[in-house]
Structures are given as C-alpha cells and as structure tokens.
C-alpha atoms as a PDB file:
ATOM      1  CA  MET A   1       0.149   6.329  -8.940  1.00  0.00           C
ATOM      2  CA  ILE A   2      -0.384   2.693  -7.972  1.00  0.00           C
ATOM      3  CA  TYR A   3      -3.256   0.370  -8.970  1.00  0.00           C
ATOM      4  CA  ILE A   4      -4.282  -2.204  -6.380  1.00  0.00           C
ATOM      5  CA  ASP A   5      -6.553  -5.112  -7.170  1.00  0.00           C
ATOM      6  CA  VAL A   6      -8.440  -6.009  -3.973  1.00  0.00           C
ATOM      7  CA  ARG A   7     -10.077  -9.187  -5.263  1.00  0.00           C
ATOM      8  CA  THR A   8      -9.055 -12.725  -4.263  1.00  0.00           C
ATOM      9  CA  LYS A   9      -5.745 -14.214  -5.432  1.00  0.00           C
ATOM     10  CA  GLY A  10      -7.695 -16.509  -7.755  1.00  0.00           C
ATOM     11  CA  GLU A  11      -9.484 -13.597  -9.403  1.00  0.00           C
ATOM     12  CA  TYR A  12      -6.248 -11.650  -9.704  1.00  0.00           C
ATOM     13  CA  ASP A  13      -4.426 -14.645 -11.235  1.00  0.00           C
ATOM     14  CA  THR A  14      -7.211 -15.067 -13.815  1.00  0.00           C
ATOM     15  CA  ASP A  15      -7.226 -11.441 -14.992  1.00  0.00           C
ATOM     16  CA  HIS A  16      -5.862  -8.123 -13.767  1.00  0.00           C
ATOM     17  CA  LYS A  17      -4.595  -4.758 -14.875  1.00  0.00           C
ATOM     18  CA  ALA A  18      -1.030  -5.346 -16.032  1.00  0.00           C
ATOM     19  CA  GLU A  19       0.672  -2.996 -13.633  1.00  0.00           C
ATOM     20  CA  ALA A  20      -1.592  -3.688 -10.672  1.00  0.00           C
ATOM     21  CA  LEU A  21      -0.466  -4.919  -7.307  1.00  0.00           C
ATOM     22  CA  HIS A  22      -2.570  -7.466  -5.523  1.00  0.00           C
ATOM     23  CA  HIS A  23      -3.827  -6.996  -1.941  1.00  0.00           C
ATOM     24  CA  ASP A  24      -6.903  -8.941  -0.983  1.00  0.00           C
ATOM     25  CA  ILE A  25      -9.555  -6.948   0.860  1.00  0.00           C
ATOM     26  CA  MET A  26      -9.806  -9.811   3.376  1.00  0.00           C
ATOM     27  CA  ASP A  27      -6.226  -9.023   4.451  1.00  0.00           C
ATOM     28  CA  MET A  28      -7.275  -5.432   5.023  1.00  0.00           C
ATOM     29  CA  MET A  29     -10.196  -6.574   7.080  1.00  0.00           C
ATOM     30  CA  GLN A  30      -7.654  -8.285   9.358  1.00  0.00           C
ATOM     31  CA  GLY A  31      -5.654  -5.116   9.639  1.00  0.00           C
ATOM     32  CA  ASN A  32      -2.957  -5.943   7.015  1.00  0.00           C
ATOM     33  CA  PHE A  33      -2.501  -3.029   4.601  1.00  0.00           C
ATOM     34  CA  PRO A  34      -0.140  -2.588   1.623  1.00  0.00           C
ATOM     35  CA  ASN A  35       3.354  -1.606   2.640  1.00  0.00           C
ATOM     36  CA  ILE A  36       3.517   1.629   0.668  1.00  0.00           C
ATOM     37  CA  ASP A  37       3.751   5.290   1.609  1.00  0.00           C
ATOM     38  CA  LYS A  38       0.410   6.542   2.929  1.00  0.00           C
ATOM     39  CA  ASP A  39       0.618   9.649   0.723  1.00  0.00           C
ATOM     40  CA  THR A  40       0.943   7.684  -2.550  1.00  0.00           C
ATOM     41  CA  GLU A  41      -1.912   8.070  -4.989  1.00  0.00           C
ATOM     42  CA  ILE A  42      -3.684   4.700  -5.050  1.00  0.00           C
ATOM     43  CA  ILE A  43      -6.489   3.513  -7.300  1.00  0.00           C
ATOM     44  CA  LEU A  44      -8.357   0.468  -6.015  1.00  0.00           C
ATOM     45  CA  TYR A  45     -10.473  -1.822  -8.173  1.00  0.00           C
ATOM     46  CA  CYS A  46     -12.381  -5.114  -7.935  1.00  0.00           C
ATOM     47  CA  GLU A  47     -15.089  -6.928  -9.875  1.00  0.00           C
ATOM     48  CA  SER A  48     -17.978  -4.507  -9.412  1.00  0.00           C
ATOM     49  CA  GLY A  49     -16.665  -1.583  -7.306  1.00  0.00           C
ATOM     50  CA  ASN A  50     -18.144  -2.715  -3.974  1.00  0.00           C
ATOM     51  CA  ARG A  51     -15.015  -4.254  -2.470  1.00  0.00           C
ATOM     52  CA  SER A  52     -12.868  -1.441  -3.723  1.00  0.00           C
ATOM     53  CA  MET A  53     -15.167   1.099  -2.006  1.00  0.00           C
ATOM     54  CA  MET A  54     -14.928  -0.855   1.299  1.00  0.00           C
ATOM     55  CA  ALA A  55     -11.124  -1.085   0.884  1.00  0.00           C
ATOM     56  CA  LYS A  56     -10.945   2.664   0.225  1.00  0.00           C
ATOM     57  CA  ASN A  57     -12.793   3.397   3.407  1.00  0.00           C
ATOM     58  CA  MET A  58     -10.616   1.070   5.470  1.00  0.00           C
ATOM     59  CA  MET A  59      -7.365   2.461   3.966  1.00  0.00           C
ATOM     60  CA  GLU A  60      -8.494   6.055   4.723  1.00  0.00           C
ATOM     61  CA  ASP A  61      -9.385   5.067   8.275  1.00  0.00           C
ATOM     62  CA  PHE A  62      -5.857   3.615   8.546  1.00  0.00           C
ATOM     63  CA  GLY A  63      -4.269   6.865   7.399  1.00  0.00           C
ATOM     64  CA  PHE A  64      -3.888   6.587   3.603  1.00  0.00           C
ATOM     65  CA  THR A  65      -4.585  10.047   2.177  1.00  0.00           C
ATOM     66  CA  LYS A  66      -4.941   9.683  -1.619  1.00  0.00           C
ATOM     67  CA  VAL A  67      -7.133   6.643  -2.259  1.00  0.00           C
ATOM     68  CA  ILE A  68      -9.520   6.512  -5.187  1.00  0.00           C
ATOM     69  CA  ASN A  69     -12.189   3.895  -5.828  1.00  0.00           C
ATOM     70  CA  GLY A  70     -11.535   2.988  -9.443  1.00  0.00           C
ATOM     71  CA  GLY A  71     -14.629   0.714  -9.447  1.00  0.00           C
ATOM     72  CA  SER A  72     -14.759  -2.334 -11.617  1.00  0.00           C
ATOM     73  CA  ILE A  73     -11.805  -3.920 -13.386  1.00  0.00           C
ATOM     74  CA  TYR A  74     -13.866  -3.320 -16.542  1.00  0.00           C
ATOM     75  CA  ASP A  75     -14.111   0.403 -15.907  1.00  0.00           C
ATOM     76  CA  ILE A  76     -10.429   1.270 -15.438  1.00  0.00           C
END
C-alpha cells in the first residue's frame, strides 16, 4: 500500500504523512501520473478530500485499479 499526497509541493513540505509520496494533482491534470504499478493499492489524500477524489477518478481513468480516496490529511 502506498500513500500519495496530491496537494501542492508547499503544502506537502509543510506537513504530510511520514511515508507518503508526493504527486501534485496539477501534474495528473496534465497527464503525468505516478510511476508505480497500476495494480498497487494506493491511498490518496489532500487537505479536504476534494482533490484526492478528483485524482482518484483521473488515476482510474488512466488504468490504476486499486485507488482509494483517503480524504483529508487529518482523517488518515
């Protein structure tokens, strides 16, 4: 299982889950997705859960199969 923080680099640098990778949702909007196996279990999070839900949908559309919206950084 991999946690991915989809917030901005500044937000990530300020505070993030210790083991989380960073991949800004803006990169996904431009077609750049994390370079990980598409069958890996992935939990996305952001500030409120909105960006992570959008990122989940984009990743699934791109072929990722086990993506979970973890919601807010404060919920995971």
